[in-house]
């Protein structure tokens, strides 16, 4: 019966000291992964818009103009934020 009681008791949680210091921190690799995912999403939206323009030129043209206006500055902001000068 004591073996059952020991089985259900809480055990000590062992945490590596390096993991303890990095909890909640965002590394450069995390930033690069996020930038890559966002830029891939922008590329997907642009490719989808080009296909929409090829299939339905009238309504696809409006989407293409919006994408040509909005997506390049957005991509530039993301790239500039990630690759900004680290010296300052």
N, C-alpha and C. Protein backbone atom coordinates (compact mmCIF):
# COMPACT_ATOMS: atom_id res chain seq x y z
N UNK A 1 0.82 -1.19 0.00
CA UNK A 1 0.00 0.00 0.00
C UNK A 1 0.87 1.27 0.00
N UNK A 2 2.01 1.23 0.65
CA UNK A 2 2.89 2.39 0.68
C UNK A 2 3.46 2.69 -0.70
N UNK A 3 3.65 1.66 -1.51
CA UNK A 3 4.16 1.87 -2.86
C UNK A 3 3.20 2.68 -3.70
N UNK A 4 1.90 2.44 -3.54
CA UNK A 4 0.90 3.23 -4.26
C UNK A 4 0.93 4.68 -3.81
N UNK A 5 1.05 4.91 -2.51
CA UNK A 5 1.09 6.27 -1.98
C UNK A 5 2.34 7.00 -2.48
N UNK A 6 3.46 6.33 -2.56
CA UNK A 6 4.68 6.95 -3.07
C UNK A 6 4.56 7.27 -4.55
N UNK A 7 3.85 6.44 -5.28
CA UNK A 7 3.70 6.63 -6.72
C UNK A 7 2.96 7.93 -7.04
N UNK A 8 1.97 8.27 -6.23
CA UNK A 8 1.16 9.45 -6.52
C UNK A 8 1.67 10.72 -5.87
N UNK A 9 2.78 10.68 -5.16
CA UNK A 9 3.32 11.89 -4.55
C UNK A 9 4.05 12.72 -5.61
N UNK A 10 4.07 14.01 -5.38
CA UNK A 10 4.73 14.92 -6.32
C UNK A 10 6.24 14.72 -6.25
N UNK A 11 6.86 14.72 -7.39
CA UNK A 11 8.31 14.57 -7.48
C UNK A 11 8.93 15.95 -7.62
N UNK A 12 10.23 16.03 -7.37
CA UNK A 12 10.94 17.30 -7.50
C UNK A 12 11.15 17.62 -8.98
N UNK A 13 10.88 18.85 -9.34
CA UNK A 13 11.05 19.29 -10.72
C UNK A 13 12.48 19.78 -10.91
N UNK A 14 13.19 19.18 -11.84
CA UNK A 14 14.57 19.54 -12.13
C UNK A 14 14.58 20.40 -13.38
N UNK A 15 15.11 21.61 -13.24
CA UNK A 15 15.18 22.55 -14.35
C UNK A 15 16.63 22.88 -14.63
N UNK A 16 17.00 22.81 -15.88
CA UNK A 16 18.35 23.16 -16.27
C UNK A 16 18.55 24.66 -16.08
N UNK A 17 19.68 25.08 -15.58
CA UNK A 17 19.93 26.49 -15.27
C UNK A 17 19.90 27.35 -16.53
N UNK A 18 20.33 26.82 -17.67
CA UNK A 18 20.33 27.62 -18.89
C UNK A 18 18.90 27.85 -19.38
N UNK A 19 18.04 26.88 -19.22
CA UNK A 19 16.65 27.04 -19.63
C UNK A 19 15.95 28.05 -18.73
N UNK A 20 16.33 28.09 -17.48
CA UNK A 20 15.68 28.99 -16.52
C UNK A 20 15.92 30.45 -16.90
N UNK A 21 17.10 30.76 -17.42
CA UNK A 21 17.42 32.14 -17.77
C UNK A 21 16.80 32.56 -19.10
N UNK A 22 16.46 31.62 -19.97
CA UNK A 22 15.95 31.95 -21.29
C UNK A 22 14.44 31.91 -21.40
N UNK A 23 13.74 31.69 -20.32
CA UNK A 23 12.28 31.60 -20.38
C UNK A 23 11.71 32.97 -20.74
N UNK A 24 10.94 33.02 -21.81
CA UNK A 24 10.30 34.26 -22.23
C UNK A 24 11.17 35.16 -23.08
N UNK A 25 12.40 34.79 -23.34
CA UNK A 25 13.26 35.64 -24.16
C UNK A 25 13.13 35.24 -25.63
N UNK A 26 13.29 36.22 -26.50
CA UNK A 26 13.20 35.98 -27.94
C UNK A 26 14.61 36.05 -28.50
N UNK A 27 15.03 34.99 -29.11
CA UNK A 27 16.38 34.93 -29.66
C UNK A 27 16.39 35.46 -31.09
N UNK A 28 17.60 35.63 -31.63
CA UNK A 28 17.74 36.08 -33.02
C UNK A 28 17.15 35.05 -33.99
N UNK A 29 17.29 33.77 -33.65
CA UNK A 29 16.73 32.73 -34.49
C UNK A 29 15.20 32.81 -34.53
N UNK A 30 14.59 33.14 -33.38
CA UNK A 30 13.14 33.31 -33.34
C UNK A 30 12.70 34.49 -34.20
N UNK A 31 13.45 35.58 -34.16
CA UNK A 31 13.14 36.74 -34.99
C UNK A 31 13.26 36.41 -36.47
N UNK A 32 14.32 35.68 -36.83
CA UNK A 32 14.52 35.31 -38.22
C UNK A 32 13.40 34.39 -38.70
N UNK A 33 12.98 33.46 -37.87
CA UNK A 33 11.89 32.56 -38.22
C UNK A 33 10.59 33.33 -38.42
N UNK A 34 10.31 34.29 -37.53
CA UNK A 34 9.09 35.09 -37.67
C UNK A 34 9.14 35.94 -38.94
N UNK A 35 10.29 36.54 -39.22
CA UNK A 35 10.42 37.35 -40.44
C UNK A 35 10.24 36.48 -41.67
N UNK A 36 10.80 35.28 -41.66
CA UNK A 36 10.66 34.37 -42.80
C UNK A 36 9.20 33.99 -43.02
N UNK A 37 8.49 33.70 -41.94
CA UNK A 37 7.09 33.31 -42.07
C UNK A 37 6.24 34.47 -42.58
N UNK A 38 6.49 35.67 -42.10
CA UNK A 38 5.72 36.83 -42.55
C UNK A 38 6.00 37.13 -44.02
N UNK A 39 7.27 37.08 -44.41
CA UNK A 39 7.62 37.36 -45.81
C UNK A 39 7.08 36.27 -46.74
N UNK A 40 7.06 35.03 -46.29
CA UNK A 40 6.46 33.96 -47.10
C UNK A 40 4.95 34.18 -47.24
N UNK A 41 4.32 34.65 -46.18
CA UNK A 41 2.89 34.97 -46.25
C UNK A 41 2.61 36.09 -47.22
N UNK A 42 3.45 37.12 -47.21
CA UNK A 42 3.30 38.23 -48.17
C UNK A 42 3.49 37.72 -49.59
N UNK A 43 4.48 36.86 -49.81
CA UNK A 43 4.70 36.31 -51.15
C UNK A 43 3.51 35.47 -51.60
N UNK A 44 2.94 34.69 -50.69
CA UNK A 44 1.77 33.88 -51.02
C UNK A 44 0.59 34.76 -51.41
N UNK A 45 0.36 35.83 -50.67
CA UNK A 45 -0.74 36.75 -51.00
C UNK A 45 -0.52 37.37 -52.38
N UNK A 46 0.72 37.77 -52.66
CA UNK A 46 1.01 38.38 -53.95
C UNK A 46 0.82 37.40 -55.09
N UNK A 47 1.28 36.16 -54.93
CA UNK A 47 1.10 35.13 -55.97
C UNK A 47 -0.38 34.84 -56.18
N UNK A 48 -1.14 34.75 -55.09
CA UNK A 48 -2.59 34.53 -55.19
C UNK A 48 -3.25 35.67 -55.95
N UNK A 49 -2.80 36.90 -55.71
CA UNK A 49 -3.35 38.06 -56.39
C UNK A 49 -3.03 38.03 -57.89
N UNK A 50 -1.83 37.61 -58.23
CA UNK A 50 -1.47 37.51 -59.65
C UNK A 50 -2.34 36.48 -60.35
N UNK A 51 -2.59 35.33 -59.70
CA UNK A 51 -3.48 34.32 -60.29
C UNK A 51 -4.90 34.86 -60.41
N UNK A 52 -5.36 35.62 -59.42
CA UNK A 52 -6.69 36.22 -59.50
C UNK A 52 -6.77 37.20 -60.66
N UNK A 53 -5.68 37.95 -60.90
CA UNK A 53 -5.65 38.89 -62.01
C UNK A 53 -5.68 38.15 -63.35
N UNK A 54 -4.98 37.00 -63.43
CA UNK A 54 -4.96 36.24 -64.68
C UNK A 54 -6.32 35.61 -64.97
N UNK A 55 -7.04 35.22 -63.94
CA UNK A 55 -8.34 34.57 -64.14
C UNK A 55 -9.44 35.60 -64.34
N UNK A 56 -9.50 36.62 -63.47
CA UNK A 56 -10.51 37.68 -63.55
C UNK A 56 -9.80 39.03 -63.63
N UNK A 57 -9.46 39.48 -64.81
CA UNK A 57 -8.66 40.71 -64.93
C UNK A 57 -9.32 41.96 -64.32
N UNK A 58 -10.63 42.04 -64.38
CA UNK A 58 -11.29 43.25 -63.87
C UNK A 58 -11.15 43.39 -62.36
N UNK A 59 -11.59 42.38 -61.61
CA UNK A 59 -11.51 42.46 -60.15
C UNK A 59 -10.11 42.13 -59.65
N UNK A 60 -9.39 41.30 -60.37
CA UNK A 60 -8.03 40.98 -59.97
C UNK A 60 -7.09 42.16 -60.11
N UNK A 61 -7.40 43.05 -61.05
CA UNK A 61 -6.59 44.26 -61.22
C UNK A 61 -6.64 45.17 -60.01
N UNK A 62 -7.81 45.25 -59.39
CA UNK A 62 -7.95 46.06 -58.18
C UNK A 62 -7.11 45.46 -57.06
N UNK A 63 -7.18 44.14 -56.90
CA UNK A 63 -6.37 43.48 -55.87
C UNK A 63 -4.88 43.64 -56.14
N UNK A 64 -4.51 43.56 -57.41
CA UNK A 64 -3.10 43.71 -57.77
C UNK A 64 -2.59 45.11 -57.45
N UNK A 65 -3.39 46.12 -57.71
CA UNK A 65 -3.00 47.50 -57.38
C UNK A 65 -2.84 47.69 -55.88
N UNK A 66 -3.74 47.09 -55.10
CA UNK A 66 -3.65 47.18 -53.64
C UNK A 66 -2.37 46.49 -53.17
N UNK A 67 -2.09 45.32 -53.72
CA UNK A 67 -0.88 44.59 -53.33
C UNK A 67 0.38 45.34 -53.72
N UNK A 68 0.38 45.96 -54.90
CA UNK A 68 1.56 46.71 -55.33
C UNK A 68 1.78 47.94 -54.45
N UNK A 69 0.72 48.44 -53.84
CA UNK A 69 0.84 49.61 -52.98
C UNK A 69 1.21 49.24 -51.55
N UNK A 70 0.66 48.16 -51.02
CA UNK A 70 0.78 47.84 -49.60
C UNK A 70 1.92 46.86 -49.30
N UNK A 71 2.09 45.83 -50.09
CA UNK A 71 3.02 44.75 -49.74
C UNK A 71 4.50 45.13 -49.79
N UNK A 72 4.99 45.86 -50.78
CA UNK A 72 6.43 46.20 -50.75
C UNK A 72 6.86 47.04 -49.54
N UNK A 73 6.11 48.08 -49.14
CA UNK A 73 6.52 48.78 -47.91
C UNK A 73 6.45 47.91 -46.66
N UNK A 74 5.48 47.02 -46.61
CA UNK A 74 5.38 46.12 -45.47
C UNK A 74 6.57 45.18 -45.41
N UNK A 75 6.94 44.63 -46.54
CA UNK A 75 8.12 43.75 -46.59
C UNK A 75 9.39 44.53 -46.23
N UNK A 76 9.49 45.77 -46.69
CA UNK A 76 10.65 46.60 -46.38
C UNK A 76 10.75 46.87 -44.89
N UNK A 77 9.62 47.14 -44.25
CA UNK A 77 9.63 47.37 -42.80
C UNK A 77 10.10 46.13 -42.05
N UNK A 78 9.64 44.98 -42.46
CA UNK A 78 10.02 43.74 -41.78
C UNK A 78 11.51 43.48 -41.97
N UNK A 79 12.00 43.62 -43.18
CA UNK A 79 13.42 43.38 -43.44
C UNK A 79 14.28 44.41 -42.71
N UNK A 80 13.88 45.68 -42.73
CA UNK A 80 14.65 46.72 -42.06
C UNK A 80 14.65 46.52 -40.55
N UNK A 81 13.55 46.04 -39.99
CA UNK A 81 13.51 45.81 -38.55
C UNK A 81 14.45 44.68 -38.16
N UNK A 82 14.48 43.62 -38.95
CA UNK A 82 15.32 42.49 -38.59
C UNK A 82 16.80 42.77 -38.84
N UNK A 83 17.12 43.41 -39.95
CA UNK A 83 18.52 43.63 -40.32
C UNK A 83 19.00 45.02 -39.97
N UNK A 84 18.43 45.64 -38.97
CA UNK A 84 18.87 46.99 -38.57
C UNK A 84 20.29 46.92 -38.01
N UNK A 85 20.93 48.07 -37.92
CA UNK A 85 22.30 48.15 -37.45
C UNK A 85 22.35 47.77 -35.97
N UNK A 86 23.14 46.77 -35.64
CA UNK A 86 23.24 46.29 -34.27
C UNK A 86 24.18 47.15 -33.43
N UNK A 87 24.97 48.03 -34.05
CA UNK A 87 25.95 48.83 -33.32
C UNK A 87 25.31 49.93 -32.50
N UNK A 88 24.16 50.44 -32.93
CA UNK A 88 23.56 51.56 -32.19
C UNK A 88 22.72 51.10 -31.03
